[in-house]
PDB file of N, CA and C in Angstrom:
ATOM      1  N   MET A   1    -103.136  -4.122  37.228  1.00  0.00           N
ATOM      2  CA  MET A   1    -103.900  -5.201  37.291  1.00  0.00           C
ATOM      3  C   MET A   1    -103.307  -6.504  36.716  1.00  0.00           C
ATOM      4  N   GLU A   2    -103.212  -7.602  37.179  1.00  0.00           N
ATOM      5  CA  GLU A   2    -102.671  -8.911  36.855  1.00  0.00           C
ATOM      6  C   GLU A   2    -103.438  -9.793  36.175  1.00  0.00           C
ATOM      7  N   VAL A   3    -103.956 -10.138  34.780  1.00  0.00           N
ATOM      8  CA  VAL A   3    -104.766 -11.433  35.052  1.00  0.00           C
ATOM      9  C   VAL A   3    -104.210 -12.284  34.391  1.00  0.00           C
ATOM     10  N   GLU A   4    -104.937 -13.603  35.410  1.00  0.00           N
ATOM     11  CA  GLU A   4    -104.586 -14.751  35.508  1.00  0.00           C
ATOM     12  C   GLU A   4    -104.826 -15.412  34.417  1.00  0.00           C
ATOM     13  N   VAL A   5    -103.736 -16.098  33.366  1.00  0.00           N
ATOM     14  CA  VAL A   5    -104.145 -17.323  32.696  1.00  0.00           C
ATOM     15  C   VAL A   5    -103.940 -18.456  32.632  1.00  0.00           C
ATOM     16  N   PRO A   6    -105.220 -18.933  32.385  1.00  0.00           N
ATOM     17  CA  PRO A   6    -104.898 -20.483  32.615  1.00  0.00           C
ATOM     18  C   PRO A   6    -103.884 -21.369  32.069  1.00  0.00           C
ATOM     19  N   THR A   7    -103.606 -22.604  32.732  1.00  0.00           N
ATOM     20  CA  THR A   7    -102.338 -23.410  32.130  1.00  0.00           C
ATOM     21  C   THR A   7    -102.645 -24.539  31.736  1.00  0.00           C
ATOM     22  N   ASP A   8    -104.125 -25.015  32.705  1.00  0.00           N
ATOM     23  CA  ASP A   8    -105.113 -26.301  32.399  1.00  0.00           C
ATOM     24  C   ASP A   8    -105.925 -25.992  31.212  1.00  0.00           C
ATOM     25  N   ILE A   9    -105.351 -27.269  30.375  1.00  0.00           N
ATOM     26  CA  ILE A   9    -106.564 -27.478  29.041  1.00  0.00           C
ATOM     27  C   ILE A   9    -108.030 -27.767  29.643  1.00  0.00           C
ATOM     28  N   ASN A  10    -108.687 -28.096  30.512  1.00  0.00           N
ATOM     29  CA  ASN A  10    -109.618 -28.273  31.276  1.00  0.00           C
ATOM     30  C   ASN A  10    -110.075 -26.066  31.554  1.00  0.00           C
ATOM     31  N   ASP A  11    -108.948 -25.540  32.088  1.00  0.00           N
ATOM     32  CA  ASP A  11    -108.950 -24.340  32.340  1.00  0.00           C
ATOM     33  C   ASP A  11    -109.480 -23.573  31.254  1.00  0.00           C
ATOM     34  N   LEU A  12    -108.966 -23.815  30.175  1.00  0.00           N
ATOM     35  CA  LEU A  12    -108.977 -23.420  29.041  1.00  0.00           C
ATOM     36  C   LEU A  12    -110.238 -23.799  28.014  1.00  0.00           C
ATOM     37  N   LEU A  13    -110.459 -25.116  28.187  1.00  0.00           N
ATOM     38  CA  LEU A  13    -111.566 -25.132  27.429  1.00  0.00           C
ATOM     39  C   LEU A  13    -113.018 -24.310  27.936  1.00  0.00           C
ATOM     40  N   GLU A  14    -113.207 -23.812  29.299  1.00  0.00           N
ATOM     41  CA  GLU A  14    -114.259 -24.025  30.182  1.00  0.00           C
ATOM     42  C   GLU A  14    -114.174 -22.137  29.448  1.00  0.00           C
ATOM     43  N   LEU A  15    -113.352 -22.007  29.266  1.00  0.00           N
ATOM     44  CA  LEU A  15    -113.387 -20.289  28.489  1.00  0.00           C
ATOM     45  C   LEU A  15    -114.566 -20.124  27.269  1.00  0.00           C
ATOM     46  N   PHE A  16    -114.234 -21.528  26.397  1.00  0.00           N
ATOM     47  CA  PHE A  16    -114.560 -21.681  25.427  1.00  0.00           C
ATOM     48  C   PHE A  16    -115.936 -21.960  24.738  1.00  0.00           C
ATOM     49  N   VAL A  17    -116.323 -23.171  25.510  1.00  0.00           N
ATOM     50  CA  VAL A  17    -117.355 -24.775  25.903  1.00  0.00           C
ATOM     51  C   VAL A  17    -118.720 -23.945  26.249  1.00  0.00           C
ATOM     52  N   ASP A  18    -120.133 -23.850  26.152  1.00  0.00           N
ATOM     53  CA  ASP A  18    -120.958 -22.821  27.020  1.00  0.00           C
ATOM     54  C   ASP A  18    -121.464 -24.189  27.220  1.00  0.00           C
ATOM     55  N   ASP A  19    -122.354 -24.097  28.318  1.00  0.00           N
ATOM     56  CA  ASP A  19    -122.574 -24.702  29.706  1.00  0.00           C
ATOM     57  C   ASP A  19    -123.434 -25.732  29.190  1.00  0.00           C
ATOM     58  N   VAL A  20    -123.697 -26.039  27.820  1.00  0.00           N
ATOM     59  CA  VAL A  20    -124.078 -27.508  27.924  1.00  0.00           C
ATOM     60  C   VAL A  20    -122.628 -28.642  26.784  1.00  0.00           C
ATOM     61  N   GLY A  21    -121.548 -28.224  26.930  1.00  0.00           N
ATOM     62  CA  GLY A  21    -120.881 -28.923  26.298  1.00  0.00           C
ATOM     63  C   GLY A  21    -120.819 -28.825  24.979  1.00  0.00           C
ATOM     64  N   ALA A  22    -121.446 -27.927  24.449  1.00  0.00           N
ATOM     65  CA  ALA A  22    -121.523 -27.412  23.139  1.00  0.00           C
ATOM     66  C   ALA A  22    -120.021 -26.708  22.110  1.00  0.00           C
ATOM     67  N   PHE A  23    -120.182 -26.179  21.426  1.00  0.00           N
ATOM     68  CA  PHE A  23    -119.191 -25.846  20.941  1.00  0.00           C
ATOM     69  C   PHE A  23    -120.171 -24.042  21.520  1.00  0.00           C
ATOM     70  N   PRO A  24    -118.415 -23.070  21.296  1.00  0.00           N
ATOM     71  CA  PRO A  24    -118.906 -22.003  21.553  1.00  0.00           C
ATOM     72  C   PRO A  24    -120.232 -20.973  21.158  1.00  0.00           C
ATOM     73  N   SER A  25    -120.794 -20.605  21.778  1.00  0.00           N
ATOM     74  CA  SER A  25    -122.203 -19.841  21.429  1.00  0.00           C
ATOM     75  C   SER A  25    -122.036 -18.990  20.577  1.00  0.00           C
ATOM     76  N   PHE A  26    -120.668 -18.076  20.223  1.00  0.00           N
ATOM     77  CA  PHE A  26    -120.500 -16.764  19.834  1.00  0.00           C
ATOM     78  C   PHE A  26    -120.115 -16.798  18.436  1.00  0.00           C
ATOM     79  N   LEU A  27    -119.858 -18.727  18.292  1.00  0.00           N
ATOM     80  CA  LEU A  27    -119.503 -18.938  16.427  1.00  0.00           C
ATOM     81  C   LEU A  27    -121.261 -18.889  15.952  1.00  0.00           C
ATOM     82  N   GLU A  28    -120.651 -18.401  14.949  1.00  0.00           N
ATOM     83  CA  GLU A  28    -121.581 -18.614  14.084  1.00  0.00           C
ATOM     84  C   GLU A  28    -122.093 -19.880  13.664  1.00  0.00           C
ATOM     85  N   ARG A  29    -123.189 -20.345  14.138  1.00  0.00           N
ATOM     86  CA  ARG A  29    -123.485 -22.195  14.265  1.00  0.00           C
ATOM     87  C   ARG A  29    -124.544 -22.365  12.615  1.00  0.00           C
ATOM     88  N   LYS A  30    -124.811 -21.449  11.301  1.00  0.00           N
ATOM     89  CA  LYS A  30    -125.115 -21.682  10.355  1.00  0.00           C
ATOM     90  C   LYS A  30    -124.575 -22.516   9.784  1.00  0.00           C
ATOM     91  N   HIS A  31    -125.691 -23.769   9.070  1.00  0.00           N
ATOM     92  CA  HIS A  31    -125.009 -24.395   7.915  1.00  0.00           C
ATOM     93  C   HIS A  31    -125.674 -24.556   6.487  1.00  0.00           C
ATOM     94  N   PHE A  32    -124.974 -25.416   5.393  1.00  0.00           N
ATOM     95  CA  PHE A  32    -125.432 -25.471   3.951  1.00  0.00           C
ATOM     96  C   PHE A  32    -125.125 -26.248   3.950  1.00  0.00           C
ATOM     97  N   ALA A  33    -125.700 -27.378   2.588  1.00  0.00           N
ATOM     98  CA  ALA A  33    -124.997 -27.792   1.531  1.00  0.00           C
ATOM     99  C   ALA A  33    -124.152 -28.157   1.298  1.00  0.00           C
ATOM    100  N   LYS A  34    -122.917 -29.012   1.306  1.00  0.00           N
ATOM    101  CA  LYS A  34    -121.768 -28.916   0.200  1.00  0.00           C
ATOM    102  C   LYS A  34    -122.207 -29.026  -0.819  1.00  0.00           C
ATOM    103  N   LYS A  35    -121.016 -27.311  -1.406  1.00  0.00           N
ATOM    104  CA  LYS A  35    -121.270 -27.363  -2.844  1.00  0.00           C
ATOM    105  C   LYS A  35    -119.898 -28.070  -3.454  1.00  0.00           C
ATOM    106  N   ASN A  36    -120.420 -29.269  -4.674  1.00  0.00           N
ATOM    107  CA  ASN A  36    -119.748 -29.911  -5.476  1.00  0.00           C
ATOM    108  C   ASN A  36    -119.475 -31.327  -5.100  1.00  0.00           C
ATOM    109  N   ALA A  37    -120.340 -31.163  -3.277  1.00  0.00           N
ATOM    110  CA  ALA A  37    -120.051 -32.873  -3.355  1.00  0.00           C
ATOM    111  C   ALA A  37    -120.300 -34.171  -4.146  1.00  0.00           C
ATOM    112  N   LYS A  38    -119.136 -34.871  -4.325  1.00  0.00           N
ATOM    113  CA  LYS A  38    -119.149 -36.119  -4.974  1.00  0.00           C
ATOM    114  C   LYS A  38    -120.029 -37.246  -3.544  1.00  0.00           C
ATOM    115  N   ALA A  39    -119.116 -37.342  -2.922  1.00  0.00           N
ATOM    116  CA  ALA A  39    -119.175 -38.675  -2.345  1.00  0.00           C
ATOM    117  C   ALA A  39    -120.570 -38.712  -1.603  1.00  0.00           C
ATOM    118  N   GLY A  40    -121.471 -39.719  -1.634  1.00  0.00           N
ATOM    119  CA  GLY A  40    -122.844 -39.660  -1.426  1.00  0.00           C
ATOM    120  C   GLY A  40    -123.387 -40.031   0.405  1.00  0.00           C
ATOM    121  N   VAL A  41    -122.149 -39.860   0.589  1.00  0.00           N
ATOM    122  CA  VAL A  41    -122.920 -39.402   2.366  1.00  0.00           C
ATOM    123  C   VAL A  41    -122.965 -38.285   2.307  1.00  0.00           C
ATOM    124  N   TRP A  42    -122.602 -37.114   1.731  1.00  0.00           N
ATOM    125  CA  TRP A  42    -122.793 -35.186   1.840  1.00  0.00           C
ATOM    126  C   TRP A  42    -124.458 -35.392   1.778  1.00  0.00           C
ATOM    127  N   LYS A  43    -125.077 -36.335   1.212  1.00  0.00           N
ATOM    128  CA  LYS A  43    -126.647 -36.157   1.445  1.00  0.00           C
ATOM    129  C   LYS A  43    -127.278 -36.186   2.243  1.00  0.00           C
ATOM    130  N   PHE A  44    -126.753 -36.552   3.278  1.00  0.00           N
ATOM    131  CA  PHE A  44    -126.908 -36.490   5.277  1.00  0.00           C
ATOM    132  C   PHE A  44    -126.245 -35.795   6.032  1.00  0.00           C
ATOM    133  N   PHE A  45    -125.019 -34.803   5.174  1.00  0.00           N
ATOM    134  CA  PHE A  45    -124.767 -33.497   5.985  1.00  0.00           C
ATOM    135  C   PHE A  45    -124.229 -32.465   5.557  1.00  0.00           C
ATOM    136  N   LYS A  46    -124.572 -31.374   6.184  1.00  0.00           N
ATOM    137  CA  LYS A  46    -124.051 -30.169   5.547  1.00  0.00           C
ATOM    138  C   LYS A  46    -122.772 -29.663   6.743  1.00  0.00           C
ATOM    139  N   VAL A  47    -122.151 -28.654   5.932  1.00  0.00           N
ATOM    140  CA  VAL A  47    -120.959 -27.921   6.704  1.00  0.00           C
ATOM    141  C   VAL A  47    -121.078 -26.418   7.215  1.00  0.00           C
ATOM    142  N   TYR A  48    -120.928 -26.162   7.768  1.00  0.00           N
ATOM    143  CA  TYR A  48    -120.815 -24.504   8.531  1.00  0.00           C
ATOM    144  C   TYR A  48    -120.683 -23.619   7.627  1.00  0.00           C
ATOM    145  N   SER A  49    -120.791 -22.293   8.088  1.00  0.00           N
ATOM    146  CA  SER A  49    -120.321 -21.280   7.288  1.00  0.00           C
ATOM    147  C   SER A  49    -119.247 -20.481   7.859  1.00  0.00           C
ATOM    148  N   ASP A  50    -118.921 -20.760   9.584  1.00  0.00           N
ATOM    149  CA  ASP A  50    -118.599 -20.181  10.307  1.00  0.00           C
ATOM    150  C   ASP A  50    -116.607 -20.633   9.976  1.00  0.00           C
ATOM    151  N   LYS A  51    -115.879 -20.290   9.759  1.00  0.00           N
ATOM    152  CA  LYS A  51    -114.391 -20.907   9.563  1.00  0.00           C
ATOM    153  C   LYS A  51    -113.901 -21.253  10.487  1.00  0.00           C
ATOM    154  N   ALA A  52    -114.106 -21.066  11.456  1.00  0.00           N
ATOM    155  CA  ALA A  52    -114.267 -21.418  12.771  1.00  0.00           C
ATOM    156  C   ALA A  52    -114.391 -22.984  13.012  1.00  0.00           C
ATOM    157  N   LEU A  53    -115.477 -23.702  12.050  1.00  0.00           N
ATOM    158  CA  LEU A  53    -115.944 -25.058  12.693  1.00  0.00           C
ATOM    159  C   LEU A  53    -115.222 -25.910  10.751  1.00  0.00           C
ATOM    160  N   TRP A  54    -114.690 -25.243   9.894  1.00  0.00           N
ATOM    161  CA  TRP A  54    -114.552 -25.532   8.307  1.00  0.00           C
ATOM    162  C   TRP A  54    -114.408 -27.733   9.098  1.00  0.00           C
ATOM    163  N   HIS A  55    -113.980 -27.699  10.410  1.00  0.00           N
ATOM    164  CA  HIS A  55    -113.561 -29.432  10.236  1.00  0.00           C
ATOM    165  C   HIS A  55    -114.670 -29.899  10.383  1.00  0.00           C
ATOM    166  N   THR A  56    -115.985 -29.462  10.879  1.00  0.00           N
ATOM    167  CA  THR A  56    -116.988 -29.737  11.445  1.00  0.00           C
ATOM    168  C   THR A  56    -118.082 -30.107  10.661  1.00  0.00           C
ATOM    169  N   ALA A  57    -118.968 -31.184  10.658  1.00  0.00           N
ATOM    170  CA  ALA A  57    -120.156 -31.165   9.670  1.00  0.00           C
ATOM    171  C   ALA A  57    -121.031 -31.818  10.532  1.00  0.00           C
ATOM    172  N   TYR A  58    -122.646 -31.510   9.730  1.00  0.00           N
ATOM    173  CA  TYR A  58    -123.303 -31.163  10.693  1.00  0.00           C
ATOM    174  C   TYR A  58    -124.222 -32.302  10.203  1.00  0.00           C
ATOM    175  N   CYS A  59    -124.768 -32.960  11.230  1.00  0.00           N
ATOM    176  CA  CYS A  59    -125.530 -34.711  10.884  1.00  0.00           C
ATOM    177  C   CYS A  59    -126.838 -33.532  10.219  1.00  0.00           C
ATOM    178  N   THR A  60    -127.757 -33.915   9.727  1.00  0.00           N
ATOM    179  CA  THR A  60    -129.352 -33.672   9.149  1.00  0.00           C
ATOM    180  C   THR A  60    -130.433 -35.029  10.149  1.00  0.00           C
ATOM    181  N   ILE A  61    -129.734 -36.037  10.168  1.00  0.00           N
ATOM    182  CA  ILE A  61    -130.416 -36.562  10.586  1.00  0.00           C
ATOM    183  C   ILE A  61    -130.797 -36.941  12.023  1.00  0.00           C
ATOM    184  N   CYS A  62    -129.572 -36.743  13.322  1.00  0.00           N
ATOM    185  CA  CYS A  62    -129.769 -36.700  14.392  1.00  0.00           C
ATOM    186  C   CYS A  62    -128.926 -35.623  15.084  1.00  0.00           C
ATOM    187  N   GLN A  63    -128.844 -34.212  14.041  1.00  0.00           N
ATOM    188  CA  GLN A  63    -128.266 -32.860  14.969  1.00  0.00           C
ATOM    189  C   GLN A  63    -126.887 -32.898  15.723  1.00  0.00           C
ATOM    190  N   ALA A  64    -126.063 -34.068  15.093  1.00  0.00           N
ATOM    191  CA  ALA A  64    -124.462 -34.434  15.670  1.00  0.00           C
ATOM    192  C   ALA A  64    -123.825 -33.342  14.542  1.00  0.00           C
ATOM    193  N   ASP A  65    -122.657 -32.906  15.580  1.00  0.00           N
ATOM    194  CA  ASP A  65    -121.595 -32.237  14.955  1.00  0.00           C
ATOM    195  C   ASP A  65    -120.537 -33.122  14.679  1.00  0.00           C
ATOM    196  N   VAL A  66    -120.145 -33.836  13.743  1.00  0.00           N
ATOM    197  CA  VAL A  66    -118.521 -34.557  13.433  1.00  0.00           C
ATOM    198  C   VAL A  66    -117.890 -33.777  12.504  1.00  0.00           C
ATOM    199  N   ASN A  67    -117.043 -34.294  13.505  1.00  0.00           N
ATOM    200  CA  ASN A  67    -115.628 -33.973  13.101  1.00  0.00           C
ATOM    201  C   ASN A  67    -115.430 -34.629  11.696  1.00  0.00           C
ATOM    202  N   TYR A  68    -115.091 -33.087  10.943  1.00  0.00           N
ATOM    203  CA  TYR A  68    -114.840 -33.443   9.132  1.00  0.00           C
ATOM    204  C   TYR A  68    -113.065 -33.498   9.365  1.00  0.00           C
ATOM    205  N   THR A  69    -112.085 -34.529   9.140  1.00  0.00           N
ATOM    206  CA  THR A  69    -110.849 -34.863   9.672  1.00  0.00           C
ATOM    207  C   THR A  69    -110.212 -33.293   8.618  1.00  0.00           C
ATOM    208  N   LEU A  70    -108.981 -33.207   9.127  1.00  0.00           N
ATOM    209  CA  LEU A  70    -108.264 -32.461   8.246  1.00  0.00           C
ATOM    210  C   LEU A  70    -107.506 -32.090   6.753  1.00  0.00           C
ATOM    211  N   THR A  71    -107.667 -33.445   6.585  1.00  0.00           N
ATOM    212  CA  THR A  71    -107.914 -33.883   5.163  1.00  0.00           C
ATOM    213  C   THR A  71    -108.847 -33.557   4.274  1.00  0.00           C
ATOM    214  N   MET A  72    -109.716 -33.540   4.949  1.00  0.00           N
ATOM    215  CA  MET A  72    -110.746 -33.516   4.007  1.00  0.00           C
ATOM    216  C   MET A  72    -111.767 -34.929   4.106  1.00  0.00           C
ATOM    217  N   SER A  73    -110.787 -35.572   4.277  1.00  0.00           N
ATOM    218  CA  SER A  73    -111.943 -37.153   3.755  1.00  0.00           C
ATOM    219  C   SER A  73    -113.159 -37.251   4.781  1.00  0.00           C
ATOM    220  N   THR A  74    -114.116 -38.000   3.858  1.00  0.00           N
ATOM    221  CA  THR A  74    -115.505 -38.178   4.519  1.00  0.00           C
ATOM    222  C   THR A  74    -115.510 -39.619   4.918  1.00  0.00           C
ATOM    223  N   ILE A  75    -114.143 -39.693   5.703  1.00  0.00           N
ATOM    224  CA  ILE A  75    -114.499 -41.399   6.320  1.00  0.00           C
ATOM    225  C   ILE A  75    -115.044 -41.287   7.492  1.00  0.00           C
ATOM    226  N   MET A  76    -114.356 -40.335   8.115  1.00  0.00           N
ATOM    227  CA  MET A  76    -115.682 -39.746   9.595  1.00  0.00           C
ATOM    228  C   MET A  76    -117.230 -40.208   9.325  1.00  0.00           C
ATOM    229  N   LEU A  77    -117.554 -38.985   8.666  1.00  0.00           N
ATOM    230  CA  LEU A  77    -118.841 -39.011   7.918  1.00  0.00           C
ATOM    231  C   LEU A  77    -119.518 -40.563   7.528  1.00  0.00           C
ATOM    232  N   THR A  78    -118.970 -40.962   7.165  1.00  0.00           N
ATOM    233  CA  THR A  78    -119.232 -42.704   6.540  1.00  0.00           C
ATOM    234  C   THR A  78    -119.069 -42.932   7.904  1.00  0.00           C
ATOM    235  N   ARG A  79    -118.303 -43.330   8.703  1.00  0.00           N
ATOM    236  CA  ARG A  79    -118.070 -44.163  10.211  1.00  0.00           C
ATOM    237  C   ARG A  79    -119.322 -43.701  10.760  1.00  0.00           C
ATOM    238  N   HIS A  80    -119.559 -42.376  10.846  1.00  0.00           N
ATOM    239  CA  HIS A  80    -120.517 -42.127  11.500  1.00  0.00           C
ATOM    240  C   HIS A  80    -122.005 -42.545  11.648  1.00  0.00           C
ATOM    241  N   MET A  81    -122.186 -42.468  10.136  1.00  0.00           N
ATOM    242  CA  MET A  81    -123.869 -43.302   9.449  1.00  0.00           C
ATOM    243  C   MET A  81    -123.394 -44.517  10.068  1.00  0.00           C
ATOM    244  N   ARG A  82    -122.480 -45.201   9.759  1.00  0.00           N
ATOM    245  CA  ARG A  82    -122.383 -47.106   9.656  1.00  0.00           C
ATOM    246  C   ARG A  82    -123.120 -46.976  11.193  1.00  0.00           C
ATOM    247  N   SER A  83    -121.812 -46.877  12.005  1.00  0.00           N
ATOM    248  CA  SER A  83    -122.872 -46.787  13.728  1.00  0.00           C
ATOM    249  C   SER A  83    -123.916 -46.243  13.538  1.00  0.00           C
ATOM    250  N   MET A  84    -124.207 -45.166  13.855  1.00  0.00           N
ATOM    251  CA  MET A  84    -125.379 -44.549  14.634  1.00  0.00           C
ATOM    252  C   MET A  84    -126.940 -44.387  13.040  1.00  0.00           C
ATOM    253  N   HIS A  85    -126.498 -44.837  12.074  1.00  0.00           N
ATOM    254  CA  HIS A  85    -127.401 -44.013  10.863  1.00  0.00           C
ATOM    255  C   HIS A  85    -127.610 -45.691  10.246  1.00  0.00           C
ATOM    256  N   ARG A  86    -127.833 -46.799  11.083  1.00  0.00           N
ATOM    257  CA  ARG A  86    -127.650 -48.157  10.076  1.00  0.00           C
ATOM    258  C   ARG A  86    -127.830 -48.384   9.054  1.00  0.00           C
ATOM    259  N   LYS A  87    -129.574 -48.101   9.152  1.00  0.00           N
ATOM    260  CA  LYS A  87    -130.541 -47.999   7.933  1.00  0.00           C
ATOM    261  C   LYS A  87    -130.184 -47.324   6.622  1.00  0.00           C
ATOM    262  N   GLU A  88    -129.606 -46.270   7.284  1.00  0.00           N
ATOM    263  CA  GLU A  88    -129.601 -44.853   6.317  1.00  0.00           C
ATOM    264  C   GLU A  88    -128.450 -45.328   5.289  1.00  0.00           C
ATOM    265  N   TYR A  89    -127.482 -45.898   6.024  1.00  0.00           N
ATOM    266  CA  TYR A  89    -126.297 -46.398   5.433  1.00  0.00           C
ATOM    267  C   TYR A  89    -126.650 -46.953   4.819  1.00  0.00           C
ATOM    268  N   ASP A  90    -126.878 -48.222   4.475  1.00  0.00           N
ATOM    269  CA  ASP A  90    -127.400 -49.161   4.067  1.00  0.00           C
ATOM    270  C   ASP A  90    -128.160 -48.936   2.817  1.00  0.00           C
ATOM    271  N   ASP A  91    -129.306 -47.885   2.777  1.00  0.00           N
ATOM    272  CA  ASP A  91    -129.647 -47.431   1.642  1.00  0.00           C
ATOM    273  C   ASP A  91    -128.939 -46.788   0.704  1.00  0.00           C
ATOM    274  N   MET A  92    -127.696 -45.655   1.442  1.00  0.00           N
ATOM    275  CA  MET A  92    -126.890 -44.835   0.102  1.00  0.00           C
ATOM    276  C   MET A  92    -125.702 -46.140  -0.285  1.00  0.00           C
ATOM    277  N   LEU A  93    -125.201 -46.852   0.132  1.00  0.00           N
ATOM    278  CA  LEU A  93    -124.873 -48.267  -0.175  1.00  0.00           C
ATOM    279  C   LEU A  93    -125.271 -48.929  -1.267  1.00  0.00           C
ATOM    280  N   GLU A  94    -126.594 -49.177  -1.048  1.00  0.00           N
ATOM    281  CA  GLU A  94    -127.197 -49.895  -2.578  1.00  0.00           C
ATOM    282  C   GLU A  94    -127.355 -48.653  -3.349  1.00  0.00           C
ATOM    283  N   GLU A  95    -127.914 -47.486  -3.167  1.00  0.00           N
ATOM    284  CA  GLU A  95    -127.722 -46.579  -4.052  1.00  0.00           C
ATOM    285  C   GLU A  95    -126.963 -46.322  -5.136  1.00  0.00           C
ATOM    286  N   MET A  96    -125.702 -46.143  -4.181  1.00  0.00           N
ATOM    287  CA  MET A  96    -124.531 -46.646  -5.033  1.00  0.00           C
ATOM    288  C   MET A  96    -123.886 -47.223  -6.232  1.00  0.00           C
ATOM    289  N   ALA A  97    -124.287 -48.499  -5.223  1.00  0.00           N
ATOM    290  CA  ALA A  97    -124.064 -49.497  -6.185  1.00  0.00           C
ATOM    291  C   ALA A  97    -124.936 -49.604  -7.812  1.00  0.00           C
ATOM    292  N   VAL A  98    -126.020 -49.388  -7.379  1.00  0.00           N
ATOM    293  CA  VAL A  98    -127.348 -49.299  -8.459  1.00  0.00           C
ATOM    294  C   VAL A  98    -126.589 -47.790  -9.633  1.00  0.00           C
ATOM    295  N   LYS A  99    -126.503 -46.583  -8.803  1.00  0.00           N
ATOM    296  CA  LYS A  99    -125.946 -46.033 -10.041  1.00  0.00           C
ATOM    297  C   LYS A  99    -124.195 -46.841 -10.597  1.00  0.00           C
ATOM    298  N   LYS A 100    -123.598 -47.191  -9.998  1.00  0.00           N
ATOM    299  CA  LYS A 100    -122.841 -47.933 -10.865  1.00  0.00           C
ATOM    300  C   LYS A 100    -122.691 -48.808 -11.585  1.00  0.00           C
ATOM    301  N   LEU A 101    -123.682 -49.404 -11.418  1.00  0.00           N
ATOM    302  CA  LEU A 101    -124.278 -50.145 -12.463  1.00  0.00           C
ATOM    303  C   LEU A 101    -124.712 -50.102 -13.443  1.00  0.00           C
ATOM    304  N   GLU A 102    -125.657 -49.123 -13.151  1.00  0.00           N
ATOM    305  CA  GLU A 102    -126.129 -48.433 -14.443  1.00  0.00           C
ATOM    306  C   GLU A 102    -125.027 -47.048 -15.165  1.00  0.00           C
ATOM    307  N   GLY A 103    -124.000 -46.774 -14.640  1.00  0.00           N
ATOM    308  CA  GLY A 103    -123.237 -46.557 -15.284  1.00  0.00           C
ATOM    309  C   GLY A 103    -122.007 -47.209 -16.271  1.00  0.00           C
ATOM    310  N   ASN A 104    -122.016 -48.123 -15.690  1.00  0.00           N
ATOM    311  CA  ASN A 104    -121.494 -49.398 -16.458  1.00  0.00           C
ATOM    312  C   ASN A 104    -122.276 -50.049 -17.394  1.00  0.00           C
ATOM    313  N   PHE A 105    -123.175 -50.224 -17.148  1.00  0.00           N
ATOM    314  CA  PHE A 105    -124.266 -50.719 -18.611  1.00  0.00           C
ATOM    315  C   PHE A 105    -124.352 -49.708 -19.682  1.00  0.00           C
ATOM    316  N   ILE A 106    -124.609 -47.964 -19.028  1.00  0.00           N
ATOM    317  CA  ILE A 106    -124.403 -47.105 -20.155  1.00  0.00           C
ATOM    318  C   ILE A 106    -123.666 -47.883 -20.814  1.00  0.00           C
ATOM    319  N   GLY A 107    -122.010 -47.387 -20.576  1.00  0.00           N
ATOM    320  CA  GLY A 107    -120.906 -47.199 -21.159  1.00  0.00           C
ATOM    321  C   GLY A 107    -120.413 -48.743 -21.946  1.00  0.00           C
ATOM    322  N   SER A 108    -121.181 -50.079 -21.453  1.00  0.00           N
ATOM    323  CA  SER A 108    -120.863 -51.283 -22.128  1.00  0.00           C
ATOM    324  C   SER A 108    -121.424 -51.005 -23.264  1.00  0.00           C
ATOM    325  N   SER A 109    -122.929 -50.264 -23.249  1.00  0.00           N
ATOM    326  CA  SER A 109    -123.921 -50.554 -24.390  1.00  0.00           C
ATOM    327  C   SER A 109    -123.514 -49.242 -25.005  1.00  0.00           C
ATOM    328  N   SER A 110    -123.314 -48.106 -25.153  1.00  0.00           N
ATOM    329  CA  SER A 110    -122.679 -47.234 -25.727  1.00  0.00           C
ATOM    330  C   SER A 110    -121.631 -47.535 -27.030  1.00  0.00           C
ATOM    331  N   SER A 111    -120.597 -48.540 -26.341  1.00  0.00           N
ATOM    332  CA  SER A 111    -119.781 -49.218 -26.468  1.00  0.00           C
ATOM    333  C   SER A 111    -119.650 -50.028 -27.834  1.00  0.00           C
ATOM    334  N   GLN A 112    -120.911 -51.089 -27.754  1.00  0.00           N
ATOM    335  CA  GLN A 112    -120.977 -51.974 -28.152  1.00  0.00           C
ATOM    336  C   GLN A 112    -121.785 -51.367 -29.395  1.00  0.00           C
ATOM    337  N   GLU A 113    -122.267 -50.455 -29.300  1.00  0.00           N
ATOM    338  CA  GLU A 113    -123.011 -49.997 -30.301  1.00  0.00           C
ATOM    339  C   GLU A 113    -122.042 -49.285 -31.255  1.00  0.00           C
ATOM    340  N   GLU A 114    -121.217 -49.025 -30.172  1.00  0.00           N
ATOM    341  CA  GLU A 114    -119.817 -48.002 -31.822  1.00  0.00           C
ATOM    342  C   GLU A 114    -119.080 -49.232 -32.525  1.00  0.00           C
ATOM    343  N   LYS A 115    -119.134 -50.203 -31.769  1.00  0.00           N
ATOM    344  CA  LYS A 115    -118.489 -51.735 -32.598  1.00  0.00           C
ATOM    345  C   LYS A 115    -119.627 -52.195 -33.851  1.00  0.00           C
ATOM    346  N   ASP A 116    -120.948 -51.880 -33.623  1.00  0.00           N
ATOM    347  CA  ASP A 116    -121.304 -52.421 -34.808  1.00  0.00           C
ATOM    348  C   ASP A 116    -121.859 -51.501 -35.849  1.00  0.00           C
TER     349      ASP A 116
END
């Protein structure tokens, strides 16, 4: 018996994408907070435990899957926040600015005390 192998990309995708156009249902869809995350944007995203989804992050605000680039850069996550969740994005920027100012203030006051 000969098995027909699809050659068209759309036919191949139909084998792996479920009816609602989401990721294949056979993949494990558990997600968790990223460990040792330094970027503020990770407060709004989780990563999948399945290695097949290592390049995808889960938005905890809108439950969307966002491509997390091959270079592991957070730029796509930041773009998602800026375009889809502007208020939370602006709050995140403000929080980061406050932390940076507090860090600079603490650093400058301790170096001032050392000079005295």
